[in-house]
C-alpha atoms as a PDB file:
ATOM      1  CA  MET A   1       6.391  -3.470 -17.328  1.00  0.00           C
ATOM      2  CA  ARG A   2       6.018  -6.579 -15.458  1.00  0.00           C
ATOM      3  CA  ALA A   3       2.691  -7.761 -14.999  1.00  0.00           C
ATOM      4  CA  LEU A   4       0.250 -11.209 -14.163  1.00  0.00           C
ATOM      5  CA  HIS A   5      -2.271 -12.422 -16.318  1.00  0.00           C
ATOM      6  CA  TYR A   6      -4.801 -14.655 -15.272  1.00  0.00           C
ATOM      7  CA  VAL A   7      -6.173 -16.422 -18.748  1.00  0.00           C
ATOM      8  CA  SER A   8      -7.768 -19.504 -17.789  1.00  0.00           C
ATOM      9  CA  ALA A   9      -8.425 -21.723 -14.919  1.00  0.00           C
ATOM     10  CA  ARG A  10      -5.240 -22.637 -13.413  1.00  0.00           C
ATOM     11  CA  ASN A  11      -3.243 -20.254 -15.867  1.00  0.00           C
ATOM     12  CA  VAL A  12      -1.540 -17.489 -14.985  1.00  0.00           C
ATOM     13  CA  ASN A  13       1.160 -15.911 -16.998  1.00  0.00           C
ATOM     14  CA  PRO A  14       3.575 -13.265 -16.094  1.00  0.00           C
ATOM     15  CA  VAL A  15       3.890 -10.616 -19.482  1.00  0.00           C
ATOM     16  CA  ASP A  16       4.955  -7.253 -20.103  1.00  0.00           C
ATOM     17  CA  LEU A  17       2.685  -4.584 -20.661  1.00  0.00           C
ATOM     18  CA  GLU A  18       3.180  -0.636 -21.918  1.00  0.00           C
ATOM     19  CA  PRO A  19       2.461   1.085 -19.417  1.00  0.00           C
ATOM     20  CA  GLN A  20       0.410   4.545 -19.905  1.00  0.00           C
ATOM     21  CA  ALA A  21       0.057   7.394 -18.259  1.00  0.00           C
ATOM     22  CA  PRO A  22      -2.697   8.320 -15.550  1.00  0.00           C
ATOM     23  CA  PRO A  23      -5.970   9.334 -16.813  1.00  0.00           C
ATOM     24  CA  PRO A  24      -7.708  12.564 -15.311  1.00  0.00           C
ATOM     25  CA  GLY A  25      -8.531  12.289 -11.808  1.00  0.00           C
ATOM     26  CA  GLN A  26      -6.108   9.190 -11.837  1.00  0.00           C
ATOM     27  CA  VAL A  27      -3.194   8.120  -9.849  1.00  0.00           C
ATOM     28  CA  GLN A  28      -0.005   6.175 -11.094  1.00  0.00           C
ATOM     29  CA  VAL A  29       1.262   3.605  -8.244  1.00  0.00           C
ATOM     30  CA  ARG A  30       4.125   1.735  -8.369  1.00  0.00           C
ATOM     31  CA  VAL A  31       3.110  -1.826  -6.606  1.00  0.00           C
ATOM     32  CA  ALA A  32       5.744  -3.397  -4.100  1.00  0.00           C
ATOM     33  CA  TYR A  33       3.455  -6.097  -2.580  1.00  0.00           C
ATOM     34  CA  ALA A  34       0.491  -7.652  -3.451  1.00  0.00           C
ATOM     35  CA  GLY A  35      -1.362 -10.367  -1.023  1.00  0.00           C
ATOM     36  CA  LEU A  36      -2.658 -13.342  -2.256  1.00  0.00           C
ATOM     37  CA  CYS A  37      -6.296 -14.163  -0.620  1.00  0.00           C
ATOM     38  CA  GLY A  38      -9.483 -16.561  -0.762  1.00  0.00           C
ATOM     39  CA  THR A  39     -10.849 -14.828  -3.810  1.00  0.00           C
ATOM     40  CA  ASP A  40      -7.650 -14.614  -5.988  1.00  0.00           C
ATOM     41  CA  LEU A  41      -7.770 -18.185  -5.374  1.00  0.00           C
ATOM     42  CA  HIS A  42     -11.486 -18.649  -6.814  1.00  0.00           C
ATOM     43  CA  ILE A  43     -10.043 -16.451 -10.046  1.00  0.00           C
ATOM     44  CA  PHE A  44      -7.596 -19.106 -10.163  1.00  0.00           C
ATOM     45  CA  HIS A  45      -9.501 -21.908 -10.022  1.00  0.00           C
ATOM     46  CA  GLY A  46     -12.054 -20.248 -12.918  1.00  0.00           C
ATOM     47  CA  ASP A  47     -14.783 -20.143 -10.485  1.00  0.00           C
ATOM     48  CA  MET A  48     -15.254 -16.226 -11.314  1.00  0.00           C
ATOM     49  CA  ASP A  49     -15.101 -16.984 -15.419  1.00  0.00           C
ATOM     50  CA  ALA A  50     -18.495 -15.326 -15.599  1.00  0.00           C
ATOM     51  CA  ARG A  51     -17.165 -12.535 -14.117  1.00  0.00           C
ATOM     52  CA  VAL A  52     -14.494 -11.612 -14.699  1.00  0.00           C
ATOM     53  CA  GLN A  53     -12.723 -10.274 -18.232  1.00  0.00           C
ATOM     54  CA  HIS A  54      -9.683 -12.300 -19.719  1.00  0.00           C
ATOM     55  CA  PRO A  55      -7.031 -12.081 -19.560  1.00  0.00           C
ATOM     56  CA  LEU A  56      -7.378  -9.974 -16.371  1.00  0.00           C
ATOM     57  CA  VAL A  57      -4.584  -8.314 -13.990  1.00  0.00           C
ATOM     58  CA  PHE A  58      -6.285  -8.823 -10.863  1.00  0.00           C
ATOM     59  CA  GLY A  59      -5.189  -8.420  -6.874  1.00  0.00           C
ATOM     60  CA  HIS A  60      -6.638  -5.912  -4.684  1.00  0.00           C
ATOM     61  CA  GLU A  61      -4.545  -6.166  -1.742  1.00  0.00           C
ATOM     62  CA  MET A  62      -1.612  -4.139  -1.761  1.00  0.00           C
ATOM     63  CA  SER A  63       1.098  -1.735  -0.798  1.00  0.00           C
ATOM     64  CA  GLY A  64       2.843   1.412  -3.018  1.00  0.00           C
ATOM     65  CA  VAL A  65       4.413   4.229  -3.840  1.00  0.00           C
ATOM     66  CA  VAL A  66       2.706   7.266  -6.135  1.00  0.00           C
ATOM     67  CA  THR A  67       4.766   8.220  -9.411  1.00  0.00           C
ATOM     68  CA  ALA A  68       2.544  10.033 -11.472  1.00  0.00           C
ATOM     69  CA  LEU A  69      -0.748  12.211 -10.959  1.00  0.00           C
ATOM     70  CA  GLY A  70      -3.311  12.643 -13.705  1.00  0.00           C
ATOM     71  CA  THR A  71      -4.683  15.900 -14.359  1.00  0.00           C
ATOM     72  CA  GLY A  72      -7.020  17.102 -11.681  1.00  0.00           C
ATOM     73  CA  VAL A  73      -5.704  15.623  -8.900  1.00  0.00           C
ATOM     74  CA  GLU A  74      -4.979  17.109  -5.747  1.00  0.00           C
ATOM     75  CA  GLY A  75      -3.967  16.315  -2.496  1.00  0.00           C
ATOM     76  CA  TRP A  76      -1.478  13.562  -3.527  1.00  0.00           C
ATOM     77  CA  ALA A  77       2.239  13.584  -4.492  1.00  0.00           C
ATOM     78  CA  GLU A  78       4.848  11.843  -5.872  1.00  0.00           C
ATOM     79  CA  GLY A  79       6.607   9.570  -3.381  1.00  0.00           C
ATOM     80  CA  ASP A  80       3.240   9.238  -1.321  1.00  0.00           C
ATOM     81  CA  ARG A  81       3.403   5.475   0.463  1.00  0.00           C
ATOM     82  CA  VAL A  82      -0.323   4.124  -0.170  1.00  0.00           C
ATOM     83  CA  THR A  83      -2.753   1.727   0.032  1.00  0.00           C
ATOM     84  CA  VAL A  84      -5.589   1.233  -2.288  1.00  0.00           C
ATOM     85  CA  MET A  85      -9.828   0.778  -1.322  1.00  0.00           C
ATOM     86  CA  PRO A  86     -10.679  -1.208  -4.340  1.00  0.00           C
ATOM     87  CA  LEU A  87     -14.084  -0.468  -4.613  1.00  0.00           C
ATOM     88  CA  ALA A  88     -15.989   2.281  -6.973  1.00  0.00           C
ATOM     89  CA  TRP A  89     -19.433   3.003  -6.665  1.00  0.00           C
ATOM     90  CA  ASP A  90     -22.171   4.522  -9.149  1.00  0.00           C
ATOM     91  CA  GLY A  91     -23.435   6.908  -6.886  1.00  0.00           C
ATOM     92  CA  THR A  92     -26.572   6.867  -8.360  1.00  0.00           C
ATOM     93  CA  CYS A  93     -28.361   3.099  -7.241  1.00  0.00           C
ATOM     94  CA  PRO A  94     -30.824   2.649  -3.831  1.00  0.00           C
ATOM     95  CA  ALA A  95     -27.875   1.652  -2.084  1.00  0.00           C
ATOM     96  CA  CYS A  96     -25.545   4.090  -2.953  1.00  0.00           C
ATOM     97  CA  LEU A  97     -28.425   6.859  -1.937  1.00  0.00           C
ATOM     98  CA  ALA A  98     -29.015   5.221   1.254  1.00  0.00           C
ATOM     99  CA  GLY A  99     -25.184   6.256   2.065  1.00  0.00           C
ATOM    100  CA  ASN A 100     -24.251   2.488   1.312  1.00  0.00           C
ATOM    101  CA  GLU A 101     -21.658   2.959  -1.221  1.00  0.00           C
ATOM    102  CA  HIS A 102     -19.307  -0.026  -0.647  1.00  0.00           C
ATOM    103  CA  ILE A 103     -22.313  -2.169  -1.056  1.00  0.00           C
ATOM    104  CA  CYS A 104     -23.242  -0.523  -4.117  1.00  0.00           C
ATOM    105  CA  GLN A 105     -25.836  -2.267  -6.157  1.00  0.00           C
ATOM    106  CA  ASN A 106     -23.405  -2.013  -8.899  1.00  0.00           C
ATOM    107  CA  LEU A 107     -20.354  -2.036  -7.272  1.00  0.00           C
ATOM    108  CA  ASP A 108     -16.571  -2.316  -9.469  1.00  0.00           C
ATOM    109  CA  PHE A 109     -14.651  -4.473  -7.037  1.00  0.00           C
ATOM    110  CA  ILE A 110     -11.354  -3.488  -8.702  1.00  0.00           C
ATOM    111  CA  GLY A 111      -8.722  -5.970  -8.935  1.00  0.00           C
ATOM    112  CA  ILE A 112     -11.759  -8.121  -9.663  1.00  0.00           C
ATOM    113  CA  ASP A 113     -14.300  -6.572 -12.415  1.00  0.00           C
ATOM    114  CA  SER A 114     -11.366  -4.373 -13.746  1.00  0.00           C
ATOM    115  CA  PRO A 115      -7.834  -4.235 -13.501  1.00  0.00           C
ATOM    116  CA  GLY A 116      -5.520  -5.265 -10.244  1.00  0.00           C
ATOM    117  CA  ALA A 117      -2.690  -4.620  -8.405  1.00  0.00           C
ATOM    118  CA  LEU A 118      -0.346  -7.783  -9.829  1.00  0.00           C
ATOM    119  CA  GLN A 119       1.405  -5.041 -12.627  1.00  0.00           C
ATOM    120  CA  GLU A 120       3.806  -3.062 -11.482  1.00  0.00           C
ATOM    121  CA  LEU A 121       2.379   0.431 -12.640  1.00  0.00           C
ATOM    122  CA  TRP A 122      -1.418   0.690 -11.751  1.00  0.00           C
ATOM    123  CA  ASN A 123      -3.524   3.725 -12.497  1.00  0.00           C
ATOM    124  CA  VAL A 124      -6.174   4.229  -9.776  1.00  0.00           C
ATOM    125  CA  PRO A 125      -9.193   6.310  -9.119  1.00  0.00           C
ATOM    126  CA  ALA A 126      -7.306   8.964  -6.673  1.00  0.00           C
ATOM    127  CA  GLY A 127     -10.390   8.919  -4.106  1.00  0.00           C
ATOM    128  CA  THR A 128      -9.470   5.246  -3.508  1.00  0.00           C
ATOM    129  CA  LEU A 129      -5.866   6.065  -2.318  1.00  0.00           C
ATOM    130  CA  VAL A 130      -5.472   5.572   1.660  1.00  0.00           C
ATOM    131  CA  ARG A 131      -2.239   7.381   2.954  1.00  0.00           C
ATOM    132  CA  LEU A 132       0.235   5.098   4.642  1.00  0.00           C
ATOM    133  CA  PRO A 133       2.767   6.718   7.438  1.00  0.00           C
ATOM    134  CA  GLN A 134       6.115   7.020   6.180  1.00  0.00           C
ATOM    135  CA  ASP A 135       7.353   4.470   9.044  1.00  0.00           C
ATOM    136  CA  LEU A 136       4.905   1.475   7.932  1.00  0.00           C
ATOM    137  CA  PRO A 137       7.076  -1.215   6.124  1.00  0.00           C
ATOM    138  CA  LEU A 138       5.211  -1.517   2.847  1.00  0.00           C
ATOM    139  CA  ARG A 139       5.218  -5.300   3.239  1.00  0.00           C
ATOM    140  CA  GLU A 140       2.973  -4.592   6.212  1.00  0.00           C
ATOM    141  CA  GLY A 141       0.979  -1.933   4.352  1.00  0.00           C
ATOM    142  CA  ALA A 142      -0.220  -4.900   2.011  1.00  0.00           C
ATOM    143  CA  LEU A 143      -1.982  -6.564   4.834  1.00  0.00           C
ATOM    144  CA  VAL A 144      -4.240  -3.072   5.364  1.00  0.00           C
ATOM    145  CA  GLU A 145      -7.326  -4.383   2.702  1.00  0.00           C
ATOM    146  CA  PRO A 146      -7.597  -7.803   5.073  1.00  0.00           C
ATOM    147  CA  VAL A 147      -7.407  -6.216   8.293  1.00  0.00           C
ATOM    148  CA  ALA A 148      -9.831  -3.816   7.078  1.00  0.00           C
ATOM    149  CA  VAL A 149     -12.103  -6.780   6.200  1.00  0.00           C
ATOM    150  CA  ALA A 150     -11.819  -7.519  10.032  1.00  0.00           C
ATOM    151  CA  VAL A 151     -12.173  -4.226  11.063  1.00  0.00           C
ATOM    152  CA  HIS A 152     -15.163  -4.064   9.563  1.00  0.00           C
ATOM    153  CA  ASP A 153     -16.486  -7.533  10.705  1.00  0.00           C
ATOM    154  CA  VAL A 154     -16.128  -6.473  14.305  1.00  0.00           C
ATOM    155  CA  ARG A 155     -17.570  -3.319  14.160  1.00  0.00           C
ATOM    156  CA  ARG A 156     -20.732  -4.436  12.568  1.00  0.00           C
ATOM    157  CA  SER A 157     -21.210  -7.280  15.047  1.00  0.00           C
ATOM    158  CA  GLU A 158     -20.981  -4.292  17.735  1.00  0.00           C
ATOM    159  CA  LEU A 159     -18.665  -6.629  20.066  1.00  0.00           C
ATOM    160  CA  ALA A 160     -17.357  -4.639  23.038  1.00  0.00           C
ATOM    161  CA  ALA A 161     -15.066  -4.863  26.113  1.00  0.00           C
ATOM    162  CA  GLY A 162     -15.803  -8.453  28.168  1.00  0.00           C
ATOM    163  CA  ASP A 163     -17.694 -10.050  25.275  1.00  0.00           C
ATOM    164  CA  LYS A 164     -17.131 -13.983  24.176  1.00  0.00           C
ATOM    165  CA  ALA A 165     -16.749 -14.131  20.474  1.00  0.00           C
ATOM    166  CA  VAL A 166     -16.331 -17.537  18.634  1.00  0.00           C
ATOM    167  CA  VAL A 167     -14.480 -17.231  15.286  1.00  0.00           C
ATOM    168  CA  ILE A 168     -15.434 -20.339  13.290  1.00  0.00           C
ATOM    169  CA  GLY A 169     -12.345 -20.724  10.545  1.00  0.00           C
ATOM    170  CA  GLY A 170      -8.335 -20.010  11.508  1.00  0.00           C
ATOM    171  CA  GLY A 171      -7.798 -19.012   7.900  1.00  0.00           C
ATOM    172  CA  PRO A 172      -5.935 -15.727   7.605  1.00  0.00           C
ATOM    173  CA  ILE A 173      -9.652 -13.414   7.954  1.00  0.00           C
ATOM    174  CA  GLY A 174     -10.201 -15.761  10.872  1.00  0.00           C
ATOM    175  CA  VAL A 175      -7.071 -14.970  12.733  1.00  0.00           C
ATOM    176  CA  LEU A 176      -7.313 -11.044  11.686  1.00  0.00           C
ATOM    177  CA  ILE A 177     -10.824 -11.254  13.256  1.00  0.00           C
ATOM    178  CA  ALA A 178      -9.826 -12.417  16.122  1.00  0.00           C
ATOM    179  CA  SER A 179      -7.087 -10.386  16.651  1.00  0.00           C
ATOM    180  CA  VAL A 180      -9.325  -6.968  16.641  1.00  0.00           C
ATOM    181  CA  ALA A 181     -12.004  -8.778  18.787  1.00  0.00           C
ATOM    182  CA  ARG A 182      -8.842  -9.298  21.458  1.00  0.00           C
ATOM    183  CA  HIS A 183      -8.002  -5.383  20.361  1.00  0.00           C
ATOM    184  CA  VAL A 184     -11.220  -4.200  21.386  1.00  0.00           C
ATOM    185  CA  GLY A 185     -11.627  -5.981  24.902  1.00  0.00           C
ATOM    186  CA  ALA A 186     -12.966  -9.144  24.168  1.00  0.00           C
ATOM    187  CA  GLU A 187     -12.365 -13.064  24.897  1.00  0.00           C
ATOM    188  CA  VAL A 188     -12.112 -15.269  21.272  1.00  0.00           C
ATOM    189  CA  VAL A 189     -12.104 -18.759  20.953  1.00  0.00           C
ATOM    190  CA  VAL A 190     -11.396 -19.755  17.918  1.00  0.00           C
ATOM    191  CA  ILE A 191     -12.831 -22.928  16.156  1.00  0.00           C
ATOM    192  CA  GLU A 192      -9.936 -24.752  13.548  1.00  0.00           C
ATOM    193  CA  PRO A 193     -10.040 -28.176  12.274  1.00  0.00           C
ATOM    194  CA  ASP A 194      -6.617 -28.118  11.102  1.00  0.00           C
ATOM    195  CA  ALA A 195      -3.962 -29.176  14.084  1.00  0.00           C
ATOM    196  CA  GLY A 196      -1.249 -26.915  11.703  1.00  0.00           C
ATOM    197  CA  ARG A 197      -3.303 -23.885  11.923  1.00  0.00           C
ATOM    198  CA  ARG A 198      -4.423 -24.138  15.882  1.00  0.00           C
ATOM    199  CA  ALA A 199      -0.550 -24.864  16.705  1.00  0.00           C
ATOM    200  CA  SER A 200      -0.137 -21.331  15.132  1.00  0.00           C
ATOM    201  CA  ILE A 201      -3.535 -20.036  16.883  1.00  0.00           C
ATOM    202  CA  ASP A 202      -2.318 -21.233  19.824  1.00  0.00           C
ATOM    203  CA  GLU A 203       1.313 -19.740  20.067  1.00  0.00           C
ATOM    204  CA  LEU A 204      -0.404 -16.033  19.425  1.00  0.00           C
ATOM    205  CA  GLY A 205      -2.729 -16.475  22.778  1.00  0.00           C
ATOM    206  CA  PHE A 206      -6.310 -17.361  21.796  1.00  0.00           C
ATOM    207  CA  ARG A 207      -8.247 -20.189  22.808  1.00  0.00           C
ATOM    208  CA  THR A 208      -8.811 -23.120  20.124  1.00  0.00           C
ATOM    209  CA  LEU A 209     -11.287 -25.646  19.646  1.00  0.00           C
ATOM    210  CA  ASP A 210     -10.871 -29.030  17.092  1.00  0.00           C
ATOM    211  CA  PRO A 211     -14.144 -29.449  16.027  1.00  0.00           C
ATOM    212  CA  THR A 212     -13.686 -33.057  15.166  1.00  0.00           C
ATOM    213  CA  ALA A 213     -12.303 -33.931  18.176  1.00  0.00           C
ATOM    214  CA  VAL A 214     -14.868 -31.976  20.844  1.00  0.00           C
ATOM    215  CA  ASP A 215     -18.439 -31.390  21.291  1.00  0.00           C
ATOM    216  CA  GLN A 216     -17.764 -27.355  20.052  1.00  0.00           C
ATOM    217  CA  THR A 217     -21.213 -26.293  21.521  1.00  0.00           C
ATOM    218  CA  ALA A 218     -20.856 -28.153  24.792  1.00  0.00           C
ATOM    219  CA  ALA A 219     -16.764 -26.419  25.176  1.00  0.00           C
ATOM    220  CA  VAL A 220     -18.525 -23.106  24.314  1.00  0.00           C
ATOM    221  CA  GLU A 221     -21.445 -23.335  27.138  1.00  0.00           C
ATOM    222  CA  GLU A 222     -18.683 -24.374  29.347  1.00  0.00           C
ATOM    223  CA  TRP A 223     -16.371 -21.570  28.074  1.00  0.00           C
ATOM    224  CA  THR A 224     -19.383 -18.813  28.386  1.00  0.00           C
ATOM    225  CA  GLN A 225     -21.023 -20.729  31.567  1.00  0.00           C
ATOM    226  CA  GLY A 226     -24.216 -21.785  29.944  1.00  0.00           C
ATOM    227  CA  ALA A 227     -24.749 -18.467  28.802  1.00  0.00           C
ATOM    228  CA  GLY A 228     -23.299 -19.042  24.748  1.00  0.00           C
ATOM    229  CA  ALA A 229     -21.025 -16.428  22.739  1.00  0.00           C
ATOM    230  CA  ASP A 230     -22.137 -12.931  22.626  1.00  0.00           C
ATOM    231  CA  VAL A 231     -21.019 -12.672  18.897  1.00  0.00           C
ATOM    232  CA  VAL A 232     -20.399 -15.485  16.366  1.00  0.00           C
ATOM    233  CA  PHE A 233     -18.053 -15.146  13.130  1.00  0.00           C
ATOM    234  CA  GLU A 234     -18.416 -17.868  10.498  1.00  0.00           C
ATOM    235  CA  VAL A 235     -15.375 -17.249   8.636  1.00  0.00           C
ATOM    236  CA  SER A 236     -15.293 -20.943   7.228  1.00  0.00           C
ATOM    237  CA  GLY A 237     -17.649 -21.054   4.246  1.00  0.00           C
ATOM    238  CA  ALA A 238     -18.471 -24.502   5.465  1.00  0.00           C
ATOM    239  CA  ALA A 239     -22.039 -26.034   5.328  1.00  0.00           C
ATOM    240  CA  ALA A 240     -21.198 -27.441   8.362  1.00  0.00           C
ATOM    241  CA  ALA A 241     -20.119 -24.752  10.445  1.00  0.00           C
ATOM    242  CA  VAL A 242     -23.350 -23.112   9.391  1.00  0.00           C
ATOM    243  CA  ARG A 243     -25.297 -25.731  10.566  1.00  0.00           C
ATOM    244  CA  GLY A 244     -23.813 -25.504  13.604  1.00  0.00           C
ATOM    245  CA  MET A 245     -23.204 -21.618  14.433  1.00  0.00           C
ATOM    246  CA  THR A 246     -26.489 -21.244  15.687  1.00  0.00           C
ATOM    247  CA  ALA A 247     -25.814 -23.388  18.665  1.00  0.00           C
ATOM    248  CA  LEU A 248     -22.809 -21.320  19.820  1.00  0.00           C
ATOM    249  CA  ALA A 249     -24.593 -18.080  20.337  1.00  0.00           C
ATOM    250  CA  LYS A 250     -26.464 -16.751  23.568  1.00  0.00           C
ATOM    251  CA  VAL A 251     -29.937 -15.499  23.518  1.00  0.00           C
ATOM    252  CA  ARG A 252     -29.952 -12.423  21.936  1.00  0.00           C
ATOM    253  CA  GLY A 253     -26.444 -12.949  21.051  1.00  0.00           C
ATOM    254  CA  THR A 254     -25.436 -11.929  17.170  1.00  0.00           C
ATOM    255  CA  ILE A 255     -24.034 -14.313  14.163  1.00  0.00           C
ATOM    256  CA  VAL A 256     -22.215 -12.483  11.369  1.00  0.00           C
ATOM    257  CA  VAL A 257     -21.360 -14.660   7.921  1.00  0.00           C
ATOM    258  CA  VAL A 258     -18.428 -13.441   7.162  1.00  0.00           C
ATOM    259  CA  ALA A 259     -17.525 -16.488   4.434  1.00  0.00           C
ATOM    260  CA  ILE A 260     -18.641 -15.954   0.963  1.00  0.00           C
ATOM    261  CA  HIS A 261     -20.847 -19.061   0.105  1.00  0.00           C
ATOM    262  CA  SER A 262     -20.723 -20.413  -3.203  1.00  0.00           C
ATOM    263  CA  GLN A 263     -24.399 -21.995  -2.424  1.00  0.00           C
ATOM    264  CA  PRO A 264     -27.428 -21.627  -0.583  1.00  0.00           C
ATOM    265  CA  ARG A 265     -26.885 -23.423   2.806  1.00  0.00           C
ATOM    266  CA  GLU A 266     -29.199 -24.990   5.569  1.00  0.00           C
ATOM    267  CA  ILE A 267     -29.705 -22.497   9.195  1.00  0.00           C
ATOM    268  CA  ASP A 268     -31.328 -23.999  12.325  1.00  0.00           C
ATOM    269  CA  LEU A 269     -34.083 -21.271  11.978  1.00  0.00           C
ATOM    270  CA  GLN A 270     -35.772 -22.558  15.292  1.00  0.00           C
ATOM    271  CA  ARG A 271     -32.855 -21.616  17.040  1.00  0.00           C
ATOM    272  CA  VAL A 272     -32.910 -18.342  15.577  1.00  0.00           C
ATOM    273  CA  PHE A 273     -36.419 -17.489  16.563  1.00  0.00           C
ATOM    274  CA  TRP A 274     -36.112 -19.495  19.793  1.00  0.00           C
ATOM    275  CA  ARG A 275     -32.961 -17.412  21.395  1.00  0.00           C
ATOM    276  CA  GLU A 276     -33.880 -14.379  19.164  1.00  0.00           C
ATOM    277  CA  LEU A 277     -30.589 -14.290  17.444  1.00  0.00           C
ATOM    278  CA  ARG A 278     -29.150 -11.861  14.920  1.00  0.00           C
ATOM    279  CA  LEU A 279     -28.137 -12.667  11.891  1.00  0.00           C
ATOM    280  CA  LEU A 280     -25.852  -9.913   9.801  1.00  0.00           C
ATOM    281  CA  GLY A 281     -23.946 -10.183   6.695  1.00  0.00           C
ATOM    282  CA  ALA A 282     -20.443  -8.553   6.669  1.00  0.00           C
ATOM    283  CA  ARG A 283     -19.412  -7.747   2.893  1.00  0.00           C
ATOM    284  CA  VAL A 284     -16.180  -5.557   2.319  1.00  0.00           C
ATOM    285  CA  TYR A 285     -15.320  -2.381   4.168  1.00  0.00           C
ATOM    286  CA  GLN A 286     -16.047   1.116   4.329  1.00  0.00           C
ATOM    287  CA  ARG A 287     -13.304   4.073   4.262  1.00  0.00           C
ATOM    288  CA  GLN A 288     -13.128   4.123   8.314  1.00  0.00           C
ATOM    289  CA  ASP A 289     -12.212   0.749   8.735  1.00  0.00           C
ATOM    290  CA  PHE A 290      -9.221   0.908   6.401  1.00  0.00           C
ATOM    291  CA  GLU A 291      -8.182   4.129   8.414  1.00  0.00           C
ATOM    292  CA  THR A 292      -8.575   1.960  11.304  1.00  0.00           C
ATOM    293  CA  ALA A 293      -6.455  -0.856   9.708  1.00  0.00           C
ATOM    294  CA  VAL A 294      -3.535   1.584   8.876  1.00  0.00           C
ATOM    295  CA  ASP A 295      -3.651   2.505  12.849  1.00  0.00           C
ATOM    296  CA  LEU A 296      -4.216  -0.881  14.426  1.00  0.00           C
ATOM    297  CA  LEU A 297      -0.680  -1.801  11.674  1.00  0.00           C
ATOM    298  CA  ALA A 298       1.443   0.972  12.736  1.00  0.00           C
ATOM    299  CA  GLY A 299       0.782   0.179  16.344  1.00  0.00           C
ATOM    300  CA  GLY A 300       2.693  -2.342  15.765  1.00  0.00           C
ATOM    301  CA  ARG A 301       0.839  -4.572  18.415  1.00  0.00           C
ATOM    302  CA  ALA A 302      -2.692  -5.874  17.680  1.00  0.00           C
ATOM    303  CA  ILE A 303      -1.960  -7.238  14.321  1.00  0.00           C
ATOM    304  CA  PRO A 304       0.643 -10.100  14.258  1.00  0.00           C
ATOM    305  CA  THR A 305       1.979  -9.730  10.821  1.00  0.00           C
ATOM    306  CA  ASP A 306       5.046 -11.985  11.457  1.00  0.00           C
ATOM    307  CA  ALA A 307       2.727 -14.764  11.899  1.00  0.00           C
ATOM    308  CA  LEU A 308       0.320 -13.980   9.509  1.00  0.00           C
ATOM    309  CA  ILE A 309       2.948 -13.605   6.294  1.00  0.00           C
ATOM    310  CA  THR A 310       4.210 -16.925   5.657  1.00  0.00           C
ATOM    311  CA  ASP A 311       5.990 -16.274   2.349  1.00  0.00           C
ATOM    312  CA  VAL A 312       6.933 -13.485  -0.176  1.00  0.00           C
ATOM    313  CA  VAL A 313       7.402 -14.906  -3.739  1.00  0.00           C
ATOM    314  CA  PRO A 314       8.424 -12.872  -6.663  1.00  0.00           C
ATOM    315  CA  LEU A 315       5.853 -12.336  -9.408  1.00  0.00           C
ATOM    316  CA  GLU A 316       6.669 -15.047 -11.725  1.00  0.00           C
ATOM    317  CA  ARG A 317       5.995 -17.847  -8.696  1.00  0.00           C
ATOM    318  CA  THR A 318       2.739 -16.849  -8.233  1.00  0.00           C
ATOM    319  CA  GLY A 319       1.688 -19.805  -9.696  1.00  0.00           C
ATOM    320  CA  ASP A 320       3.489 -21.611  -6.955  1.00  0.00           C
ATOM    321  CA  ALA A 321       1.933 -19.337  -4.373  1.00  0.00           C
ATOM    322  CA  PHE A 322      -1.366 -20.812  -5.145  1.00  0.00           C
ATOM    323  CA  ALA A 323      -0.359 -24.025  -5.171  1.00  0.00           C
ATOM    324  CA  THR A 324       0.684 -23.317  -1.242  1.00  0.00           C
ATOM    325  CA  LEU A 325      -2.128 -21.864  -0.739  1.00  0.00           C
ATOM    326  CA  GLU A 326      -4.325 -24.735  -2.237  1.00  0.00           C
ATOM    327  CA  ALA A 327      -2.399 -26.886   0.314  1.00  0.00           C
ATOM    328  CA  GLY A 328      -3.079 -25.126   2.929  1.00  0.00           C
ATOM    329  CA  GLN A 329       0.802 -24.465   4.001  1.00  0.00           C
ATOM    330  CA  ALA A 330       0.171 -20.738   4.318  1.00  0.00           C
ATOM    331  CA  LEU A 331      -1.653 -18.149   6.331  1.00  0.00           C
ATOM    332  CA  LYS A 332      -0.980 -15.199   4.413  1.00  0.00           C
ATOM    333  CA  LEU A 333       1.206 -15.157   0.542  1.00  0.00           C
ATOM    334  CA  LEU A 334       2.822 -11.933  -0.683  1.00  0.00           C
ATOM    335  CA  VAL A 335       3.633 -10.868  -4.360  1.00  0.00           C
ATOM    336  CA  ALA A 336       7.148  -8.874  -4.315  1.00  0.00           C
ATOM    337  CA  VAL A 337       5.421  -6.986  -7.580  1.00  0.00           C
ATOM    338  CA  GLY A 338       8.222  -4.246  -6.906  1.00  0.00           C
ATOM    339  CA  GLY A 339       9.478  -4.816  -3.586  1.00  0.00           C
ATOM    340  CA  ASP A 340      10.388  -1.909  -1.386  1.00  0.00           C
ATOM    341  CA  ARG A 341      11.269   1.435  -2.950  1.00  0.00           C
END
């Protein structure tokens, strides 16, 4: 079977591997599509070499079809259309015992800490499978994982209908958060410096701000009639965005840190104190977020899938796809590992 190996920084190679039968408790999935995200880009750059094995089959956004069952697996059958919630927790650490298995202190993020979806046949624990509707195209099913991220972020923020939300960063996750926020009835502004991305986001019906051309704090105050936003989502990962995010929130507003920051950032704690702001982290997702994401995609209106999926490339062109992502010329790129079956 064909697979993609991460070998070293900027070095990924298509390879032929011998498929293995699924062990007890696992299911074999024929991967149709795998999405590339910012974490995969970090792996490609070599930024996660201290964490990942070499070589690594990576990838954690996917859709596919069950092809074989290991012994002891119930509730699944060959031909079922699925995606994978790529988290394996130990069930014994303090976080798990407190009911927070998704942020287990010894979490195995499948596709990073263990082999992932960029292979034609992928063996995964049966408990990670999430069912896809028969009428949801597998191409769109590959978006369930990033949509689940956005669902989790919005749910954690406690955003409500009628609220005003600011999303800092108009990349794929920023657009998805804006889409989910709009679905729950909030008004949304997206702050994004890139003109091309702003144009794309404008076409989706969102209000955008260019932080290099306007005073974003003044613009948000005008939009909210001097109050500030109910919720601010920091999705950019930029130091300047972190410094400025507290000025955008209302008294007792909420700031949700979504982006992965590779180093400590300067935060205006005086503003946090003065306005009694709530600062939250939001990491990965829980099963209910995956199930909600499936429903949103199956509904066909809340998530702008056609606008999000910039291109679909064959497995052999994954290296080229990373170059496109680096150049900022795409929102979401999918790898056609097996395509529709």
